[in-house]
Protein backbone atom coordinates (compact mmCIF):
# COMPACT_ATOMS: atom_id res chain seq x y z
CA MET A 1 11.85 15.27 -6.02
CA THR A 2 14.36 17.33 -7.90
CA GLY A 3 17.65 18.77 -6.86
CA ASP A 4 21.24 19.24 -7.81
CA ASP A 5 22.37 15.92 -6.30
CA THR A 6 22.75 14.36 -9.75
CA ALA A 7 26.49 15.13 -9.64
CA ASP A 8 26.82 12.65 -6.75
CA PRO A 9 29.13 9.87 -8.01
CA ALA A 10 27.08 7.30 -6.06
CA ALA A 11 23.85 8.42 -7.75
CA SER A 12 22.06 5.95 -9.95
CA GLU A 13 20.11 7.02 -13.02
CA GLY A 14 17.63 4.70 -14.71
CA ARG A 15 14.16 3.27 -14.98
CA PHE A 16 12.74 2.06 -11.68
CA LEU A 17 9.70 -0.02 -10.78
CA VAL A 18 8.09 0.83 -7.43
CA THR A 19 7.74 -2.62 -5.84
CA HIS A 20 6.47 -1.38 -2.47
CA ALA A 21 5.13 1.93 -1.24
CA ASP A 22 3.52 3.15 1.94
CA GLY A 23 3.22 6.54 3.62
CA ASP A 24 6.73 6.45 5.04
CA SER A 25 8.94 4.78 2.44
CA ALA A 26 9.11 3.04 -0.90
CA VAL A 27 11.24 0.41 -2.60
CA LEU A 28 12.47 0.92 -6.15
CA LYS A 29 13.92 -1.76 -8.40
CA ASP A 30 16.15 -0.80 -11.32
CA VAL A 31 14.53 -2.75 -14.17
CA GLU A 32 17.80 -3.09 -16.08
CA SER A 33 20.24 -4.09 -13.33
CA GLY A 34 17.84 -5.52 -10.75
CA GLN A 35 19.39 -3.38 -8.00
CA VAL A 36 16.95 -2.55 -5.21
CA HIS A 37 16.86 0.90 -3.59
CA THR A 38 14.98 1.44 -0.32
CA LEU A 39 13.90 5.06 -0.04
CA GLY A 40 14.13 6.78 3.32
CA GLU A 41 10.84 8.53 2.61
CA ASN A 42 8.10 8.16 0.03
CA PRO A 43 8.27 11.05 -2.46
CA GLY A 44 4.65 10.46 -3.52
CA VAL A 45 4.98 7.24 -5.52
CA GLU A 46 2.65 4.27 -5.51
CA GLU A 47 3.24 0.56 -6.00
CA HIS A 48 3.51 -0.33 -9.73
CA ASP A 49 4.63 3.17 -10.72
CA VAL A 50 7.56 3.39 -13.12
CA LEU A 51 10.03 6.24 -12.74
CA GLU A 52 12.65 7.50 -15.15
CA ALA A 53 14.70 9.00 -12.36
CA THR A 54 17.92 9.56 -10.51
CA VAL A 55 18.38 8.27 -6.98
CA ALA A 56 21.22 9.00 -4.56
CA PRO A 57 22.21 7.54 -1.20
CA GLU A 58 21.05 9.41 1.92
CA PRO A 59 23.95 10.75 3.97
CA PRO A 60 25.55 10.12 6.33
CA MET A 61 25.20 6.32 6.44
CA GLU A 62 24.07 5.86 2.84
CA VAL A 63 21.88 2.83 3.60
CA THR A 64 18.70 4.38 2.25
CA TRP A 65 18.17 6.35 -0.94
CA ARG A 66 16.30 9.44 -2.05
CA VAL A 67 14.89 10.45 -5.43
CA THR A 68 16.81 13.50 -6.65
CA GLU A 69 15.20 13.90 -10.08
CA VAL A 70 12.16 12.48 -11.88
CA ARG A 71 12.10 12.80 -15.65
CA GLU A 72 8.97 10.70 -16.19
CA ARG A 73 6.44 8.87 -14.05
CA ARG A 74 3.69 6.51 -15.14
CA ALA A 75 1.50 3.88 -13.53
CA LEU A 76 1.44 0.29 -14.80
CA ARG A 77 -1.80 -1.66 -15.00
CA VAL A 78 -1.91 -5.43 -15.15
CA GLU A 79 -5.31 -6.92 -15.82
CA GLU A 80 -6.97 -10.12 -16.90
CA SER A 81 -9.30 -9.72 -19.86
CA ASP A 82 -12.53 -11.62 -20.49
CA GLU A 83 -11.58 -11.67 -24.19
CA PRO A 84 -9.92 -14.83 -25.55
CA PRO A 85 -6.49 -14.68 -27.20
CA THR A 86 -6.58 -13.37 -30.77
CA THR A 87 -6.49 -15.68 -33.79
CA GLN A 88 -2.81 -14.78 -34.27
CA GLU A 89 -2.03 -15.69 -30.65
CA ARG A 90 -3.90 -19.02 -30.89
CA ASP A 91 -2.04 -19.77 -34.16
CA LEU A 92 1.30 -19.07 -32.45
CA ALA A 93 0.35 -21.47 -29.66
CA SER A 94 -0.68 -24.20 -32.10
CA GLU A 95 2.75 -24.09 -33.77
CA GLY A 96 4.56 -25.16 -30.61
CA GLU A 97 4.45 -27.74 -27.89
CA VAL A 98 2.91 -27.50 -24.45
CA GLY A 99 5.42 -25.61 -22.30
CA ASP A 100 6.57 -23.30 -25.11
CA LEU A 101 6.77 -19.53 -24.86
CA VAL A 102 6.63 -17.49 -28.07
CA ARG A 103 7.47 -13.78 -28.13
CA ARG A 104 6.45 -11.40 -30.89
CA GLU A 105 6.61 -7.65 -31.30
CA ARG A 106 3.22 -5.97 -31.44
CA ALA A 107 2.29 -3.85 -34.38
CA GLY A 108 3.19 -0.44 -33.00
CA GLU A 109 4.59 -0.58 -29.49
CA GLY A 110 5.05 -3.49 -27.08
CA GLU A 111 5.25 -7.27 -27.23
CA ILE A 112 3.02 -10.31 -27.12
CA HIS A 113 4.00 -13.42 -25.22
CA VAL A 114 2.06 -16.61 -25.85
CA LEU A 115 2.38 -19.46 -23.36
CA THR A 116 1.15 -22.93 -24.22
CA VAL A 117 0.22 -24.86 -21.07
CA PRO A 118 -1.70 -28.03 -20.23
CA PRO A 119 -5.45 -27.25 -20.31
CA GLU A 120 -5.85 -27.86 -16.58
CA GLU A 121 -3.11 -25.34 -15.76
CA VAL A 122 -4.54 -22.25 -17.52
CA GLU A 123 -5.95 -20.62 -14.37
CA ALA A 124 -2.72 -21.21 -12.44
CA ALA A 125 -0.64 -19.81 -15.33
CA VAL A 126 -2.79 -16.67 -15.48
CA ALA A 127 -2.48 -16.24 -11.70
CA ASP A 128 1.31 -16.65 -11.93
CA VAL A 129 1.58 -13.97 -14.63
CA LEU A 130 -0.66 -11.60 -12.64
CA ASP A 131 1.46 -12.05 -9.48
CA ASP A 132 4.88 -12.08 -11.13
CA GLU A 133 7.01 -8.99 -10.49
CA GLY A 134 8.86 -9.96 -13.66
CA THR A 135 5.73 -9.10 -15.66
CA LEU A 136 5.86 -5.55 -14.29
CA ALA A 137 9.63 -5.26 -14.76
CA ARG A 138 9.33 -6.32 -18.42
CA ALA A 139 6.51 -3.80 -18.97
CA ALA A 140 8.71 -1.10 -17.45
CA ARG A 141 11.68 -2.08 -19.66
CA LEU A 142 9.45 -2.05 -22.75
CA GLY A 143 8.12 1.39 -21.85
CA VAL A 144 4.47 0.32 -21.92
CA ALA A 145 1.70 1.26 -19.49
CA ARG A 146 -0.62 -1.75 -19.62
CA VAL A 147 -0.37 -5.53 -19.52
CA GLU A 148 -3.42 -7.51 -20.62
CA ILE A 149 -3.68 -11.25 -20.01
CA ARG A 150 -6.03 -13.35 -22.12
CA SER A 151 -6.58 -17.09 -21.95
CA THR A 152 -8.51 -19.97 -23.45
CA THR A 153 -8.54 -23.73 -23.34
CA THR A 154 -8.76 -26.10 -26.27
CA GLU A 155 -9.05 -29.86 -26.26
CA ASP A 156 -5.32 -30.47 -26.03
CA ARG A 157 -3.80 -27.25 -24.71
CA GLY A 158 -4.28 -24.02 -22.85
CA VAL A 159 -3.27 -20.70 -24.34
CA VAL A 160 -2.27 -17.69 -22.24
CA SER A 161 -1.38 -14.47 -24.04
CA VAL A 162 0.38 -11.65 -22.26
CA ARG A 163 0.01 -8.41 -24.17
CA TYR A 164 2.39 -5.55 -23.30
CA MET A 165 0.66 -2.43 -24.65
CA PRO A 166 1.02 1.37 -24.59
């Protein structure tokens, strides 16, 4: 996964999310630009890995790509927690209206997103966050390794917290 192809003017350097991987190939998405790179062969990555890497087009047709250098690799985990949102997260939700999204930096590294939804839509909102590639892309951009989703329902609203953590 390393080589001297980094001088290739068509090479792309960045942070990539592995959106698909099997034994023969993989698909990388640049989390800053959104550009998708289909690899001609899988260099040993798995779905939900994040690579700080350089990719270059495969000659001669340059329709597929290859990883020429990996500076860092980490796996992302997205999980639903049995724990309810914290007091701070519930307070953030109570300040807004149903449908609001509040973002806050975490103490240390990462972010917290608090979604306020109708009480009957909490399960669907959690499922949407779990299945959303955007959740993984944001985690990759933030440089974190874990996303934890917590939820609760009150009388008048549902609260879903998405915690991007190291």
